[in-house]
Amino acid sequence: MTWASWTTTGVFAGRGGVCTDEAGVLTGDLTVHTTWSSPEAQVAVQYSGGSDWFTVTGSPVRCESEEFSRLLHQSVVDAVRADGAATVPQDLPVDTYRVPRAPAP
């Protein structure tokens, strides 16, 4: 089984916060965590230093590669910081799925 995970701490969510399935909207100092296990990614959030994790609305999402899961994670972090009721994006551009690899030497 192939998997990867990404965690970003110290993500400040302002007034719009991040929408969760279990707790509604969370604001303040948060930690965002994405776990990828092909073919999907799960995204969760918690108050930094807290113990409870909450599912970000829109999670899980189909995710075909580890590279895409990293981009997905960063897009959620950016959305939380943007102050506008963040959720897991369901409509990333198709080109995002095809992350270019470095050319062989």
N, C-alpha and C. Protein backbone atom coordinates (compact mmCIF):
# COMPACT_ATOMS: atom_id res chain seq x y z
N MET A 1 0.85 -1.17 0.00
CA MET A 1 0.00 0.00 0.00
C MET A 1 0.90 1.24 0.00
N THR A 2 0.56 2.20 -0.85
CA THR A 2 1.30 3.45 -0.94
C THR A 2 0.54 4.54 -0.19
N TRP A 3 1.28 5.31 0.62
CA TRP A 3 0.65 6.39 1.37
C TRP A 3 1.68 7.47 1.66
N ALA A 4 1.17 8.64 2.03
CA ALA A 4 2.01 9.76 2.45
C ALA A 4 1.15 10.65 3.33
N SER A 5 1.80 11.50 4.11
CA SER A 5 1.04 12.45 4.91
C SER A 5 1.77 13.78 4.95
N TRP A 6 0.99 14.83 5.14
CA TRP A 6 1.50 16.20 5.17
C TRP A 6 0.85 16.91 6.34
N THR A 7 1.64 17.67 7.08
CA THR A 7 1.12 18.42 8.22
C THR A 7 1.70 19.83 8.19
N THR A 8 0.82 20.82 8.35
CA THR A 8 1.27 22.20 8.44
C THR A 8 0.69 22.79 9.72
N THR A 9 1.58 23.25 10.59
CA THR A 9 1.16 23.86 11.86
C THR A 9 1.15 25.37 11.73
N GLY A 10 0.51 26.03 12.68
CA GLY A 10 0.53 27.48 12.72
C GLY A 10 -0.21 28.15 11.58
N VAL A 11 -1.28 27.51 11.11
CA VAL A 11 -2.09 28.09 10.04
C VAL A 11 -3.18 28.93 10.70
N PHE A 12 -3.13 30.24 10.50
CA PHE A 12 -4.12 31.10 11.15
C PHE A 12 -5.33 31.28 10.25
N ALA A 13 -6.48 30.86 10.76
CA ALA A 13 -7.75 31.02 10.03
C ALA A 13 -8.51 32.18 10.66
N GLY A 14 -8.80 33.14 9.85
CA GLY A 14 -9.53 34.31 10.32
C GLY A 14 -11.02 34.09 10.39
N ARG A 15 -11.76 35.15 10.22
CA ARG A 15 -13.20 35.16 10.40
C ARG A 15 -13.93 34.07 9.61
N GLY A 16 -13.53 33.83 8.36
CA GLY A 16 -14.19 32.82 7.54
C GLY A 16 -13.89 31.40 7.98
N GLY A 17 -12.71 31.20 8.55
CA GLY A 17 -12.33 29.91 9.11
C GLY A 17 -12.27 28.78 8.11
N VAL A 18 -12.38 27.58 8.66
CA VAL A 18 -12.40 26.36 7.86
C VAL A 18 -13.62 25.56 8.28
N CYS A 19 -14.36 25.07 7.30
CA CYS A 19 -15.58 24.30 7.57
C CYS A 19 -15.23 22.85 7.87
N THR A 20 -15.80 22.32 8.95
CA THR A 20 -15.59 20.93 9.31
C THR A 20 -16.93 20.21 9.40
N ASP A 21 -16.88 18.90 9.19
CA ASP A 21 -18.11 18.10 9.25
C ASP A 21 -18.62 17.96 10.68
N GLU A 22 -17.71 17.87 11.65
CA GLU A 22 -18.11 17.57 13.02
C GLU A 22 -18.35 18.81 13.89
N ALA A 23 -17.60 19.88 13.66
CA ALA A 23 -17.63 21.01 14.60
C ALA A 23 -18.02 22.34 13.97
N GLY A 24 -18.46 22.32 12.72
CA GLY A 24 -18.80 23.59 12.07
C GLY A 24 -17.53 24.33 11.67
N VAL A 25 -17.53 25.64 11.84
CA VAL A 25 -16.41 26.47 11.42
C VAL A 25 -15.41 26.64 12.55
N LEU A 26 -14.12 26.37 12.25
CA LEU A 26 -13.04 26.60 13.21
C LEU A 26 -12.25 27.82 12.76
N THR A 27 -11.82 28.63 13.72
CA THR A 27 -10.99 29.80 13.43
C THR A 27 -9.81 29.79 14.40
N GLY A 28 -8.85 30.64 14.15
CA GLY A 28 -7.70 30.76 15.05
C GLY A 28 -6.50 29.98 14.56
N ASP A 29 -5.63 29.60 15.48
CA ASP A 29 -4.38 28.91 15.19
C ASP A 29 -4.66 27.42 15.00
N LEU A 30 -4.49 26.94 13.77
CA LEU A 30 -4.86 25.57 13.43
C LEU A 30 -3.69 24.78 12.86
N THR A 31 -3.85 23.46 12.87
CA THR A 31 -2.95 22.54 12.20
C THR A 31 -3.76 21.80 11.15
N VAL A 32 -3.23 21.75 9.93
CA VAL A 32 -3.89 21.07 8.82
C VAL A 32 -3.09 19.81 8.51
N HIS A 33 -3.80 18.67 8.37
CA HIS A 33 -3.14 17.39 8.11
C HIS A 33 -3.84 16.67 6.96
N THR A 34 -3.05 16.21 6.00
CA THR A 34 -3.57 15.44 4.87
C THR A 34 -2.90 14.08 4.87
N THR A 35 -3.72 13.05 4.75
CA THR A 35 -3.21 11.68 4.62
C THR A 35 -3.65 11.15 3.27
N TRP A 36 -2.69 10.72 2.46
CA TRP A 36 -2.99 10.16 1.15
C TRP A 36 -2.74 8.67 1.16
N SER A 37 -3.72 7.93 0.73
CA SER A 37 -3.60 6.50 0.51
C SER A 37 -4.33 6.24 -0.79
N SER A 38 -3.56 5.99 -1.83
CA SER A 38 -4.12 5.90 -3.17
C SER A 38 -5.38 5.04 -3.19
N PRO A 39 -6.48 5.50 -3.72
CA PRO A 39 -6.65 6.64 -4.62
C PRO A 39 -7.36 7.83 -3.99
N GLU A 40 -7.21 8.06 -2.67
CA GLU A 40 -7.89 9.22 -2.09
C GLU A 40 -7.05 9.88 -1.00
N ALA A 41 -7.42 11.13 -0.71
CA ALA A 41 -6.77 11.89 0.36
C ALA A 41 -7.83 12.31 1.37
N GLN A 42 -7.46 12.25 2.64
CA GLN A 42 -8.32 12.70 3.73
C GLN A 42 -7.66 13.93 4.33
N VAL A 43 -8.45 14.97 4.57
CA VAL A 43 -7.92 16.21 5.12
C VAL A 43 -8.63 16.50 6.43
N ALA A 44 -7.82 16.77 7.46
CA ALA A 44 -8.35 17.06 8.78
C ALA A 44 -7.68 18.30 9.34
N VAL A 45 -8.31 18.88 10.37
CA VAL A 45 -7.79 20.10 10.99
C VAL A 45 -8.01 19.99 12.49
N GLN A 46 -7.13 20.62 13.25
CA GLN A 46 -7.30 20.69 14.69
C GLN A 46 -6.79 22.03 15.18
N TYR A 47 -7.25 22.42 16.37
CA TYR A 47 -6.65 23.59 16.99
C TYR A 47 -5.22 23.22 17.33
N SER A 48 -4.26 24.08 16.99
CA SER A 48 -2.85 23.78 17.27
C SER A 48 -2.68 23.49 18.76
N GLY A 49 -2.05 22.35 19.05
CA GLY A 49 -1.86 21.92 20.42
C GLY A 49 -3.03 21.11 20.97
N GLY A 50 -4.10 21.01 20.19
CA GLY A 50 -5.28 20.25 20.63
C GLY A 50 -5.11 18.75 20.38
N SER A 51 -6.11 17.99 20.78
CA SER A 51 -6.04 16.55 20.57
C SER A 51 -7.13 16.03 19.62
N ASP A 52 -8.16 16.82 19.39
CA ASP A 52 -9.25 16.38 18.54
C ASP A 52 -9.03 16.83 17.10
N TRP A 53 -9.23 15.90 16.16
CA TRP A 53 -9.14 16.19 14.74
C TRP A 53 -10.54 16.25 14.16
N PHE A 54 -10.75 17.16 13.21
CA PHE A 54 -12.04 17.34 12.57
C PHE A 54 -11.87 17.22 11.06
N THR A 55 -12.79 16.55 10.42
CA THR A 55 -12.76 16.37 8.97
C THR A 55 -13.09 17.68 8.28
N VAL A 56 -12.23 18.12 7.37
CA VAL A 56 -12.51 19.32 6.59
C VAL A 56 -13.60 18.97 5.58
N THR A 57 -14.62 19.81 5.50
CA THR A 57 -15.73 19.57 4.59
C THR A 57 -15.21 19.38 3.16
N GLY A 58 -15.68 18.32 2.53
CA GLY A 58 -15.22 17.96 1.18
C GLY A 58 -14.26 16.79 1.17
N SER A 59 -13.80 16.38 2.34
CA SER A 59 -12.88 15.26 2.47
C SER A 59 -13.69 13.99 2.75
N PRO A 60 -13.27 12.85 2.24
CA PRO A 60 -12.09 12.61 1.39
C PRO A 60 -12.35 13.04 -0.05
N VAL A 61 -11.24 13.14 -0.78
CA VAL A 61 -11.31 13.53 -2.19
C VAL A 61 -10.45 12.57 -2.99
N ARG A 62 -10.89 12.27 -4.21
CA ARG A 62 -10.12 11.39 -5.07
C ARG A 62 -8.77 12.04 -5.37
N CYS A 63 -7.72 11.24 -5.25
CA CYS A 63 -6.37 11.76 -5.39
C CYS A 63 -5.48 10.62 -5.87
N GLU A 64 -5.02 10.72 -7.09
CA GLU A 64 -4.33 9.61 -7.75
C GLU A 64 -2.83 9.47 -7.45
N SER A 65 -2.20 10.52 -6.92
CA SER A 65 -0.75 10.43 -6.74
C SER A 65 -0.30 11.16 -5.49
N GLU A 66 0.88 10.77 -5.02
CA GLU A 66 1.48 11.44 -3.88
C GLU A 66 1.75 12.91 -4.20
N GLU A 67 2.22 13.18 -5.41
CA GLU A 67 2.50 14.55 -5.81
C GLU A 67 1.24 15.41 -5.76
N PHE A 68 0.13 14.87 -6.25
CA PHE A 68 -1.12 15.61 -6.23
C PHE A 68 -1.59 15.82 -4.79
N SER A 69 -1.36 14.83 -3.92
CA SER A 69 -1.79 14.98 -2.53
C SER A 69 -1.05 16.14 -1.87
N ARG A 70 0.20 16.35 -2.23
CA ARG A 70 0.97 17.47 -1.68
C ARG A 70 0.39 18.80 -2.17
N LEU A 71 0.06 18.86 -3.44
CA LEU A 71 -0.56 20.07 -3.98
C LEU A 71 -1.93 20.31 -3.37
N LEU A 72 -2.69 19.26 -3.17
CA LEU A 72 -4.00 19.37 -2.53
C LEU A 72 -3.85 19.92 -1.12
N HIS A 73 -2.90 19.36 -0.37
CA HIS A 73 -2.66 19.83 1.00
C HIS A 73 -2.35 21.32 1.00
N GLN A 74 -1.45 21.76 0.12
CA GLN A 74 -1.08 23.17 0.09
C GLN A 74 -2.26 24.04 -0.31
N SER A 75 -3.11 23.55 -1.19
CA SER A 75 -4.27 24.36 -1.59
C SER A 75 -5.24 24.53 -0.43
N VAL A 76 -5.36 23.51 0.43
CA VAL A 76 -6.21 23.64 1.62
C VAL A 76 -5.60 24.64 2.60
N VAL A 77 -4.29 24.53 2.84
CA VAL A 77 -3.61 25.49 3.72
C VAL A 77 -3.81 26.91 3.21
N ASP A 78 -3.63 27.12 1.92
CA ASP A 78 -3.81 28.45 1.34
C ASP A 78 -5.24 28.93 1.50
N ALA A 79 -6.21 28.04 1.32
CA ALA A 79 -7.62 28.41 1.45
C ALA A 79 -7.95 28.79 2.89
N VAL A 80 -7.39 28.08 3.86
CA VAL A 80 -7.63 28.42 5.27
C VAL A 80 -7.08 29.80 5.56
N ARG A 81 -5.90 30.10 5.07
CA ARG A 81 -5.28 31.41 5.30
C ARG A 81 -6.01 32.54 4.57
N ALA A 82 -6.78 32.21 3.54
CA ALA A 82 -7.44 33.23 2.72
C ALA A 82 -8.67 33.82 3.38
N ASP A 83 -9.09 33.31 4.52
CA ASP A 83 -10.17 33.92 5.28
C ASP A 83 -11.53 33.86 4.58
N GLY A 84 -11.88 32.67 4.06
CA GLY A 84 -13.16 32.61 3.36
C GLY A 84 -13.88 31.28 3.46
N ALA A 85 -14.13 30.74 4.64
CA ALA A 85 -14.87 29.49 4.83
C ALA A 85 -14.28 28.36 3.98
N ALA A 86 -13.05 27.99 4.27
CA ALA A 86 -12.30 27.01 3.49
C ALA A 86 -12.93 25.62 3.56
N THR A 87 -12.87 24.93 2.43
CA THR A 87 -13.24 23.52 2.33
C THR A 87 -12.19 22.85 1.46
N VAL A 88 -12.27 21.52 1.32
CA VAL A 88 -11.36 20.81 0.42
C VAL A 88 -11.82 21.09 -1.01
N PRO A 89 -10.93 21.60 -1.86
CA PRO A 89 -11.33 21.90 -3.23
C PRO A 89 -11.68 20.63 -4.00
N GLN A 90 -12.76 20.71 -4.74
CA GLN A 90 -13.19 19.59 -5.57
C GLN A 90 -12.93 19.86 -7.05
N ASP A 91 -12.43 21.04 -7.36
CA ASP A 91 -12.34 21.46 -8.75
C ASP A 91 -10.96 22.02 -9.11
N LEU A 92 -9.90 21.39 -8.61
CA LEU A 92 -8.57 21.84 -9.01
C LEU A 92 -8.40 21.60 -10.51
N PRO A 93 -7.64 22.45 -11.19
CA PRO A 93 -7.46 22.28 -12.63
C PRO A 93 -6.92 20.89 -12.97
N VAL A 94 -7.37 20.36 -14.09
CA VAL A 94 -6.95 19.03 -14.53
C VAL A 94 -5.44 18.95 -14.64
N ASP A 95 -4.78 20.03 -15.06
CA ASP A 95 -3.33 20.03 -15.19
C ASP A 95 -2.64 19.79 -13.85
N THR A 96 -3.31 20.10 -12.76
CA THR A 96 -2.73 19.89 -11.43
C THR A 96 -2.47 18.42 -11.19
N TYR A 97 -3.30 17.56 -11.79
CA TYR A 97 -3.13 16.11 -11.62
C TYR A 97 -1.85 15.61 -12.24
N ARG A 98 -1.36 16.33 -13.23
CA ARG A 98 -0.17 15.90 -13.96
C ARG A 98 1.02 16.75 -13.53
N VAL A 99 1.58 16.42 -12.41
CA VAL A 99 2.72 17.18 -11.91
C VAL A 99 3.94 16.81 -12.74
N PRO A 100 4.59 17.79 -13.38
CA PRO A 100 5.75 17.47 -14.22
C PRO A 100 6.91 16.97 -13.36
N ARG A 101 7.55 15.98 -13.82
CA ARG A 101 8.73 15.46 -13.13
C ARG A 101 9.98 16.09 -13.74
N ALA A 102 11.02 16.13 -12.94
CA ALA A 102 12.28 16.70 -13.42
C ALA A 102 12.82 15.83 -14.56
N PRO A 103 13.39 16.44 -15.59
CA PRO A 103 13.94 15.66 -16.69
C PRO A 103 15.13 14.82 -16.23
N ALA A 104 15.29 13.69 -16.84
CA ALA A 104 16.42 12.80 -16.52
C ALA A 104 17.72 13.48 -16.92
N PRO A 105 18.77 13.30 -16.11
CA PRO A 105 20.06 13.95 -16.44
C PRO A 105 20.69 13.37 -17.68
